[in-house]
Amino acid sequence: MKKIYILSFLIFSLLLTGCLENNNPAKSLTLKQAINLANSEALIWHQEARLLDATSVDNDKKIAGSNGKRRYWNITFGVPNTRDIF
């Protein structure tokens, strides 16, 4: 069961990254914008989903993010009192 949730999370991450890249590869989001975008998908997955963690993962060769925006975010949601992770 845990493998299914991990696989679901990885697929969601790839889809989210793909959607952001296809619309505008240079578009950067603030942490709040990224969480709001991911939150709507997490609530479709489970109505009790809650934010667990959010980190930027840009691997730029130059300094980026000084304006609070990044291109890539890892955002994790979970369901309280369960081991369900999205």
PDB file of N, CA and C in Angstrom:
ATOM      1  N   MET A   1       0.819  -1.185   0.000  1.00  0.00           N
ATOM      2  CA  MET A   1       0.000   0.000   0.000  1.00  0.00           C
ATOM      3  C   MET A   1       0.867   1.255   0.000  1.00  0.00           C
ATOM      4  N   LYS A   2       1.938   1.217   0.789  1.00  0.00           N
ATOM      5  CA  LYS A   2       2.831   2.373   0.866  1.00  0.00           C
ATOM      6  C   LYS A   2       3.460   2.655  -0.493  1.00  0.00           C
ATOM      7  N   LYS A   3       3.770   1.592  -1.237  1.00  0.00           N
ATOM      8  CA  LYS A   3       4.380   1.765  -2.556  1.00  0.00           C
ATOM      9  C   LYS A   3       3.441   2.496  -3.502  1.00  0.00           C
ATOM     10  N   ILE A   4       2.148   2.242  -3.373  1.00  0.00           N
ATOM     11  CA  ILE A   4       1.170   2.910  -4.233  1.00  0.00           C
ATOM     12  C   ILE A   4       1.173   4.405  -3.965  1.00  0.00           C
ATOM     13  N   TYR A   5       1.241   4.791  -2.685  1.00  0.00           N
ATOM     14  CA  TYR A   5       1.244   6.216  -2.350  1.00  0.00           C
ATOM     15  C   TYR A   5       2.527   6.890  -2.807  1.00  0.00           C
ATOM     16  N   ILE A   6       3.631   6.210  -2.652  1.00  0.00           N
ATOM     17  CA  ILE A   6       4.905   6.778  -3.106  1.00  0.00           C
ATOM     18  C   ILE A   6       4.887   6.939  -4.618  1.00  0.00           C
ATOM     19  N   LEU A   7       4.403   5.913  -5.311  1.00  0.00           N
ATOM     20  CA  LEU A   7       4.305   5.982  -6.773  1.00  0.00           C
ATOM     21  C   LEU A   7       3.357   7.109  -7.191  1.00  0.00           C
ATOM     22  N   SER A   8       2.235   7.249  -6.495  1.00  0.00           N
ATOM     23  CA  SER A   8       1.292   8.327  -6.792  1.00  0.00           C
ATOM     24  C   SER A   8       1.943   9.690  -6.609  1.00  0.00           C
ATOM     25  N   PHE A   9       2.703   9.844  -5.521  1.00  0.00           N
ATOM     26  CA  PHE A   9       3.385  11.111  -5.257  1.00  0.00           C
ATOM     27  C   PHE A   9       4.385  11.428  -6.359  1.00  0.00           C
ATOM     28  N   LEU A  10       5.146  10.431  -6.778  1.00  0.00           N
ATOM     29  CA  LEU A  10       6.133  10.662  -7.831  1.00  0.00           C
ATOM     30  C   LEU A  10       5.459  11.050  -9.144  1.00  0.00           C
ATOM     31  N   ILE A  11       4.375  10.370  -9.470  1.00  0.00           N
ATOM     32  CA  ILE A  11       3.649  10.685 -10.695  1.00  0.00           C
ATOM     33  C   ILE A  11       3.077  12.097 -10.616  1.00  0.00           C
ATOM     34  N   PHE A  12       2.497  12.455  -9.457  1.00  0.00           N
ATOM     35  CA  PHE A  12       1.957  13.803  -9.272  1.00  0.00           C
ATOM     36  C   PHE A  12       3.056  14.848  -9.445  1.00  0.00           C
ATOM     37  N   SER A  13       4.216  14.590  -8.856  1.00  0.00           N
ATOM     38  CA  SER A  13       5.327  15.537  -8.960  1.00  0.00           C
ATOM     39  C   SER A  13       5.748  15.724 -10.407  1.00  0.00           C
ATOM     40  N   LEU A  14       5.836  14.630 -11.130  1.00  0.00           N
ATOM     41  CA  LEU A  14       6.220  14.726 -12.543  1.00  0.00           C
ATOM     42  C   LEU A  14       5.164  15.470 -13.355  1.00  0.00           C
ATOM     43  N   LEU A  15       3.900  15.181 -13.078  1.00  0.00           N
ATOM     44  CA  LEU A  15       2.835  15.878 -13.798  1.00  0.00           C
ATOM     45  C   LEU A  15       2.824  17.360 -13.475  1.00  0.00           C
ATOM     46  N   LEU A  16       2.986  17.692 -12.207  1.00  0.00           N
ATOM     47  CA  LEU A  16       3.003  19.098 -11.811  1.00  0.00           C
ATOM     48  C   LEU A  16       4.169  19.817 -12.468  1.00  0.00           C
ATOM     49  N   THR A  17       5.337  19.204 -12.437  1.00  0.00           N
ATOM     50  CA  THR A  17       6.510  19.798 -13.067  1.00  0.00           C
ATOM     51  C   THR A  17       6.294  19.930 -14.576  1.00  0.00           C
ATOM     52  N   GLY A  18       5.722  18.896 -15.187  1.00  0.00           N
ATOM     53  CA  GLY A  18       5.460  18.936 -16.623  1.00  0.00           C
ATOM     54  C   GLY A  18       4.478  20.024 -17.001  1.00  0.00           C
ATOM     55  N   CYS A  19       3.440  20.200 -16.197  1.00  0.00           N
ATOM     56  CA  CYS A  19       2.453  21.256 -16.471  1.00  0.00           C
ATOM     57  C   CYS A  19       3.091  22.632 -16.378  1.00  0.00           C
ATOM     58  N   LEU A  20       3.895  22.820 -15.366  1.00  0.00           N
ATOM     59  CA  LEU A  20       4.541  24.115 -15.204  1.00  0.00           C
ATOM     60  C   LEU A  20       5.522  24.367 -16.345  1.00  0.00           C
ATOM     61  N   GLU A  21       6.238  23.340 -16.769  1.00  0.00           N
ATOM     62  CA  GLU A  21       7.223  23.509 -17.837  1.00  0.00           C
ATOM     63  C   GLU A  21       6.552  23.740 -19.179  1.00  0.00           C
ATOM     64  N   ASN A  22       5.448  23.045 -19.445  1.00  0.00           N
ATOM     65  CA  ASN A  22       4.798  23.171 -20.744  1.00  0.00           C
ATOM     66  C   ASN A  22       4.148  24.531 -20.925  1.00  0.00           C
ATOM     67  N   ASN A  23       3.588  25.090 -19.879  1.00  0.00           N
ATOM     68  CA  ASN A  23       2.930  26.388 -20.000  1.00  0.00           C
ATOM     69  C   ASN A  23       3.932  27.512 -20.217  1.00  0.00           C
ATOM     70  N   ASN A  24       4.986  27.501 -19.453  1.00  0.00           N
ATOM     71  CA  ASN A  24       5.994  28.551 -19.550  1.00  0.00           C
ATOM     72  C   ASN A  24       7.238  28.081 -18.818  1.00  0.00           C
ATOM     73  N   PRO A  25       8.231  27.573 -19.542  1.00  0.00           N
ATOM     74  CA  PRO A  25       9.393  26.987 -18.880  1.00  0.00           C
ATOM     75  C   PRO A  25      10.146  27.956 -17.982  1.00  0.00           C
ATOM     76  N   ALA A  26      10.026  29.256 -18.206  1.00  0.00           N
ATOM     77  CA  ALA A  26      10.765  30.219 -17.398  1.00  0.00           C
ATOM     78  C   ALA A  26       9.913  30.783 -16.255  1.00  0.00           C
ATOM     79  N   LYS A  27       8.653  30.340 -16.144  1.00  0.00           N
ATOM     80  CA  LYS A  27       7.756  30.889 -15.122  1.00  0.00           C
ATOM     81  C   LYS A  27       8.183  30.431 -13.740  1.00  0.00           C
ATOM     82  N   SER A  28       8.352  31.377 -12.868  1.00  0.00           N
ATOM     83  CA  SER A  28       8.697  31.104 -11.482  1.00  0.00           C
ATOM     84  C   SER A  28       7.490  31.362 -10.604  1.00  0.00           C
ATOM     85  N   LEU A  29       7.393  30.603  -9.515  1.00  0.00           N
ATOM     86  CA  LEU A  29       6.300  30.753  -8.570  1.00  0.00           C
ATOM     87  C   LEU A  29       6.846  31.030  -7.178  1.00  0.00           C
ATOM     88  N   THR A  30       6.084  31.769  -6.396  1.00  0.00           N
ATOM     89  CA  THR A  30       6.433  31.911  -4.987  1.00  0.00           C
ATOM     90  C   THR A  30       6.037  30.622  -4.278  1.00  0.00           C
ATOM     91  N   LEU A  31       6.511  30.463  -3.059  1.00  0.00           N
ATOM     92  CA  LEU A  31       6.143  29.287  -2.276  1.00  0.00           C
ATOM     93  C   LEU A  31       4.630  29.227  -2.102  1.00  0.00           C
ATOM     94  N   LYS A  32       4.011  30.337  -1.795  1.00  0.00           N
ATOM     95  CA  LYS A  32       2.561  30.369  -1.592  1.00  0.00           C
ATOM     96  C   LYS A  32       1.815  29.975  -2.869  1.00  0.00           C
ATOM     97  N   GLN A  33       2.253  30.460  -4.025  1.00  0.00           N
ATOM     98  CA  GLN A  33       1.615  30.097  -5.288  1.00  0.00           C
ATOM     99  C   GLN A  33       1.750  28.598  -5.557  1.00  0.00           C
ATOM    100  N   ALA A  34       2.928  28.058  -5.310  1.00  0.00           N
ATOM    101  CA  ALA A  34       3.163  26.631  -5.541  1.00  0.00           C
ATOM    102  C   ALA A  34       2.309  25.779  -4.602  1.00  0.00           C
ATOM    103  N   ILE A  35       2.214  26.179  -3.339  1.00  0.00           N
ATOM    104  CA  ILE A  35       1.394  25.429  -2.378  1.00  0.00           C
ATOM    105  C   ILE A  35      -0.074  25.487  -2.783  1.00  0.00           C
ATOM    106  N   ASN A  36      -0.556  26.652  -3.178  1.00  0.00           N
ATOM    107  CA  ASN A  36      -1.958  26.765  -3.596  1.00  0.00           C
ATOM    108  C   ASN A  36      -2.255  25.890  -4.799  1.00  0.00           C
ATOM    109  N   LEU A  37      -1.346  25.857  -5.753  1.00  0.00           N
ATOM    110  CA  LEU A  37      -1.516  25.013  -6.931  1.00  0.00           C
ATOM    111  C   LEU A  37      -1.552  23.536  -6.543  1.00  0.00           C
ATOM    112  N   ALA A  38      -0.613  23.121  -5.723  1.00  0.00           N
ATOM    113  CA  ALA A  38      -0.547  21.719  -5.305  1.00  0.00           C
ATOM    114  C   ALA A  38      -1.703  21.356  -4.371  1.00  0.00           C
ATOM    115  N   ASN A  39      -2.135  22.303  -3.539  1.00  0.00           N
ATOM    116  CA  ASN A  39      -3.204  22.033  -2.579  1.00  0.00           C
ATOM    117  C   ASN A  39      -4.500  21.632  -3.273  1.00  0.00           C
ATOM    118  N   SER A  40      -4.823  22.294  -4.368  1.00  0.00           N
ATOM    119  CA  SER A  40      -6.059  21.953  -5.080  1.00  0.00           C
ATOM    120  C   SER A  40      -6.010  20.514  -5.591  1.00  0.00           C
ATOM    121  N   GLU A  41      -4.850  20.065  -6.049  1.00  0.00           N
ATOM    122  CA  GLU A  41      -4.700  18.675  -6.503  1.00  0.00           C
ATOM    123  C   GLU A  41      -4.723  17.700  -5.321  1.00  0.00           C
ATOM    124  N   ALA A  42      -4.096  18.084  -4.228  1.00  0.00           N
ATOM    125  CA  ALA A  42      -4.071  17.214  -3.048  1.00  0.00           C
ATOM    126  C   ALA A  42      -5.474  17.005  -2.493  1.00  0.00           C
ATOM    127  N   LEU A  43      -6.305  18.037  -2.521  1.00  0.00           N
ATOM    128  CA  LEU A  43      -7.667  17.911  -2.011  1.00  0.00           C
ATOM    129  C   LEU A  43      -8.532  17.037  -2.913  1.00  0.00           C
ATOM    130  N   ILE A  44      -8.207  16.965  -4.187  1.00  0.00           N
ATOM    131  CA  ILE A  44      -8.888  16.020  -5.081  1.00  0.00           C
ATOM    132  C   ILE A  44      -8.513  14.595  -4.672  1.00  0.00           C
ATOM    133  N   TRP A  45      -7.240  14.409  -4.328  1.00  0.00           N
ATOM    134  CA  TRP A  45      -6.739  13.095  -3.898  1.00  0.00           C
ATOM    135  C   TRP A  45      -7.401  12.672  -2.600  1.00  0.00           C
ATOM    136  N   HIS A  46      -7.466  13.567  -1.600  1.00  0.00           N
ATOM    137  CA  HIS A  46      -8.083  13.257  -0.307  1.00  0.00           C
ATOM    138  C   HIS A  46      -8.528  14.561   0.338  1.00  0.00           C
ATOM    139  N   GLN A  47      -9.786  14.619   0.751  1.00  0.00           N
ATOM    140  CA  GLN A  47     -10.342  15.871   1.282  1.00  0.00           C
ATOM    141  C   GLN A  47      -9.702  16.312   2.590  1.00  0.00           C
ATOM    142  N   GLU A  48      -9.024  15.410   3.297  1.00  0.00           N
ATOM    143  CA  GLU A  48      -8.386  15.768   4.559  1.00  0.00           C
ATOM    144  C   GLU A  48      -6.881  15.992   4.412  1.00  0.00           C
ATOM    145  N   ALA A  49      -6.411  16.110   3.185  1.00  0.00           N
ATOM    146  CA  ALA A  49      -4.980  16.307   2.946  1.00  0.00           C
ATOM    147  C   ALA A  49      -4.494  17.598   3.589  1.00  0.00           C
ATOM    148  N   ARG A  50      -3.316  17.512   4.211  1.00  0.00           N
ATOM    149  CA  ARG A  50      -2.706  18.670   4.864  1.00  0.00           C
ATOM    150  C   ARG A  50      -1.256  18.788   4.397  1.00  0.00           C
ATOM    151  N   LEU A  51      -0.776  20.016   4.304  1.00  0.00           N
ATOM    152  CA  LEU A  51       0.596  20.275   3.894  1.00  0.00           C
ATOM    153  C   LEU A  51       1.575  19.717   4.918  1.00  0.00           C
ATOM    154  N   LEU A  52       2.562  18.958   4.459  1.00  0.00           N
ATOM    155  CA  LEU A  52       3.606  18.426   5.332  1.00  0.00           C
ATOM    156  C   LEU A  52       4.932  19.143   5.133  1.00  0.00           C
ATOM    157  N   ASP A  53       5.279  19.419   3.863  1.00  0.00           N
ATOM    158  CA  ASP A  53       6.609  19.935   3.576  1.00  0.00           C
ATOM    159  C   ASP A  53       6.609  20.611   2.206  1.00  0.00           C
ATOM    160  N   ALA A  54       7.419  21.641   2.068  1.00  0.00           N
ATOM    161  CA  ALA A  54       7.586  22.294   0.772  1.00  0.00           C
ATOM    162  C   ALA A  54       9.006  22.855   0.693  1.00  0.00           C
ATOM    163  N   THR A  55       9.722  22.501  -0.365  1.00  0.00           N
ATOM    164  CA  THR A  55      11.087  22.987  -0.557  1.00  0.00           C
ATOM    165  C   THR A  55      11.316  23.295  -2.028  1.00  0.00           C
ATOM    166  N   SER A  56      12.161  24.269  -2.292  1.00  0.00           N
ATOM    167  CA  SER A  56      12.525  24.566  -3.676  1.00  0.00           C
ATOM    168  C   SER A  56      13.635  23.609  -4.095  1.00  0.00           C
ATOM    169  N   VAL A  57      13.622  23.257  -5.365  1.00  0.00           N
ATOM    170  CA  VAL A  57      14.599  22.292  -5.863  1.00  0.00           C
ATOM    171  C   VAL A  57      15.278  22.750  -7.148  1.00  0.00           C
ATOM    172  N   ASP A  58      15.235  24.046  -7.427  1.00  0.00           N
ATOM    173  CA  ASP A  58      15.920  24.545  -8.627  1.00  0.00           C
ATOM    174  C   ASP A  58      17.399  24.200  -8.550  1.00  0.00           C
ATOM    175  N   ASN A  59      17.945  23.840  -9.663  1.00  0.00           N
ATOM    176  CA  ASN A  59      19.364  23.528  -9.741  1.00  0.00           C
ATOM    177  C   ASN A  59      19.993  24.468 -10.764  1.00  0.00           C
ATOM    178  N   ASP A  60      19.862  25.743 -10.488  1.00  0.00           N
ATOM    179  CA  ASP A  60      20.378  26.750 -11.413  1.00  0.00           C
ATOM    180  C   ASP A  60      21.887  26.877 -11.291  1.00  0.00           C
ATOM    181  N   LYS A  61      22.527  27.169 -12.410  1.00  0.00           N
ATOM    182  CA  LYS A  61      23.972  27.399 -12.386  1.00  0.00           C
ATOM    183  C   LYS A  61      24.282  28.807 -11.914  1.00  0.00           C
ATOM    184  N   LYS A  62      23.278  29.664 -11.977  1.00  0.00           N
ATOM    185  CA  LYS A  62      23.465  31.017 -11.470  1.00  0.00           C
ATOM    186  C   LYS A  62      22.601  31.179 -10.217  1.00  0.00           C
ATOM    187  N   ILE A  63      22.849  32.203  -9.475  1.00  0.00           N
ATOM    188  CA  ILE A  63      22.072  32.469  -8.270  1.00  0.00           C
ATOM    189  C   ILE A  63      20.653  32.837  -8.679  1.00  0.00           C
ATOM    190  N   ALA A  64      19.668  32.166  -8.070  1.00  0.00           N
ATOM    191  CA  ALA A  64      18.262  32.421  -8.390  1.00  0.00           C
ATOM    192  C   ALA A  64      17.453  32.387  -7.107  1.00  0.00           C
ATOM    193  N   GLY A  65      16.248  32.900  -7.184  1.00  0.00           N
ATOM    194  CA  GLY A  65      15.347  32.838  -6.046  1.00  0.00           C
ATOM    195  C   GLY A  65      15.451  34.002  -5.091  1.00  0.00           C
ATOM    196  N   SER A  66      16.272  34.990  -5.391  1.00  0.00           N
ATOM    197  CA  SER A  66      16.416  36.112  -4.477  1.00  0.00           C
ATOM    198  C   SER A  66      15.142  36.948  -4.394  1.00  0.00           C
ATOM    199  N   ASN A  67      14.262  36.799  -5.387  1.00  0.00           N
ATOM    200  CA  ASN A  67      12.989  37.517  -5.371  1.00  0.00           C
ATOM    201  C   ASN A  67      11.877  36.686  -4.732  1.00  0.00           C
ATOM    202  N   GLY A  68      12.231  35.520  -4.168  1.00  0.00           N
ATOM    203  CA  GLY A  68      11.251  34.660  -3.512  1.00  0.00           C
ATOM    204  C   GLY A  68      10.561  33.696  -4.446  1.00  0.00           C
ATOM    205  N   LYS A  69      10.925  33.719  -5.718  1.00  0.00           N
ATOM    206  CA  LYS A  69      10.299  32.828  -6.693  1.00  0.00           C
ATOM    207  C   LYS A  69      11.298  31.785  -7.171  1.00  0.00           C
ATOM    208  N   ARG A  70      10.789  30.583  -7.390  1.00  0.00           N
ATOM    209  CA  ARG A  70      11.591  29.493  -7.937  1.00  0.00           C
ATOM    210  C   ARG A  70      10.780  28.787  -9.014  1.00  0.00           C
ATOM    211  N   ARG A  71      11.478  28.066  -9.876  1.00  0.00           N
ATOM    212  CA  ARG A  71      10.793  27.337 -10.949  1.00  0.00           C
ATOM    213  C   ARG A  71      10.270  25.981 -10.492  1.00  0.00           C
ATOM    214  N   TYR A  72      10.953  25.328  -9.566  1.00  0.00           N
ATOM    215  CA  TYR A  72      10.584  23.972  -9.170  1.00  0.00           C
ATOM    216  C   TYR A  72      10.435  23.872  -7.657  1.00  0.00           C
ATOM    217  N   TRP A  73       9.369  23.184  -7.249  1.00  0.00           N
ATOM    218  CA  TRP A  73       9.090  22.989  -5.829  1.00  0.00           C
ATOM    219  C   TRP A  73       8.729  21.532  -5.582  1.00  0.00           C
ATOM    220  N   ASN A  74       9.186  20.970  -4.480  1.00  0.00           N
ATOM    221  CA  ASN A  74       8.715  19.675  -3.989  1.00  0.00           C
ATOM    222  C   ASN A  74       7.750  19.969  -2.858  1.00  0.00           C
ATOM    223  N   ILE A  75       6.523  19.533  -3.011  1.00  0.00           N
ATOM    224  CA  ILE A  75       5.495  19.800  -2.007  1.00  0.00           C
ATOM    225  C   ILE A  75       4.855  18.473  -1.624  1.00  0.00           C
ATOM    226  N   THR A  76       4.796  18.207  -0.331  1.00  0.00           N
ATOM    227  CA  THR A  76       4.268  16.940   0.171  1.00  0.00           C
ATOM    228  C   THR A  76       3.049  17.188   1.039  1.00  0.00           C
ATOM    229  N   PHE A  77       2.010  16.410   0.781  1.00  0.00           N
ATOM    230  CA  PHE A  77       0.794  16.456   1.588  1.00  0.00           C
ATOM    231  C   PHE A  77       0.571  15.096   2.231  1.00  0.00           C
ATOM    232  N   GLY A  78      -0.103  15.097   3.347  1.00  0.00           N
ATOM    233  CA  GLY A  78      -0.441  13.854   4.026  1.00  0.00           C
ATOM    234  C   GLY A  78      -1.819  13.956   4.641  1.00  0.00           C
ATOM    235  N   VAL A  79      -2.312  12.806   5.076  1.00  0.00           N
ATOM    236  CA  VAL A  79      -3.610  12.747   5.748  1.00  0.00           C
ATOM    237  C   VAL A  79      -3.338  12.493   7.230  1.00  0.00           C
ATOM    238  N   PRO A  80      -3.862  13.360   8.124  1.00  0.00           N
ATOM    239  CA  PRO A  80      -3.615  13.197   9.552  1.00  0.00           C
ATOM    240  C   PRO A  80      -4.007  11.808  10.067  1.00  0.00           C
ATOM    241  N   ASN A  81      -3.218  11.282  10.982  1.00  0.00           N
ATOM    242  CA  ASN A  81      -3.445   9.992  11.636  1.00  0.00           C
ATOM    243  C   ASN A  81      -3.433   8.808  10.685  1.00  0.00           C
ATOM    244  N   THR A  82      -2.783   8.979   9.533  1.00  0.00           N
ATOM    245  CA  THR A  82      -2.605   7.873   8.579  1.00  0.00           C
ATOM    246  C   THR A  82      -1.169   7.944   8.071  1.00  0.00           C
ATOM    247  N   ARG A  83      -0.820   7.014   7.225  1.00  0.00           N
ATOM    248  CA  ARG A  83       0.494   7.053   6.582  1.00  0.00           C
ATOM    249  C   ARG A  83       0.361   7.435   5.113  1.00  0.00           C
ATOM    250  N   ASP A  84      -0.781   7.998   4.773  1.00  0.00           N
ATOM    251  CA  ASP A  84      -1.054   8.395   3.389  1.00  0.00           C
ATOM    252  C   ASP A  84      -0.288   9.667   3.052  1.00  0.00           C
ATOM    253  N   ILE A  85       0.506   9.603   1.994  1.00  0.00           N
ATOM    254  CA  ILE A  85       1.338  10.743   1.575  1.00  0.00           C
ATOM    255  C   ILE A  85       1.099  10.990   0.091  1.00  0.00           C
ATOM    256  N   PHE A  86       0.988  12.261  -0.254  1.00  0.00           N
ATOM    257  CA  PHE A  86       0.786  12.669  -1.643  1.00  0.00           C
ATOM    258  C   PHE A  86       1.824  13.702  -1.983  1.00  0.00           C
TER     259      PHE A  86
END
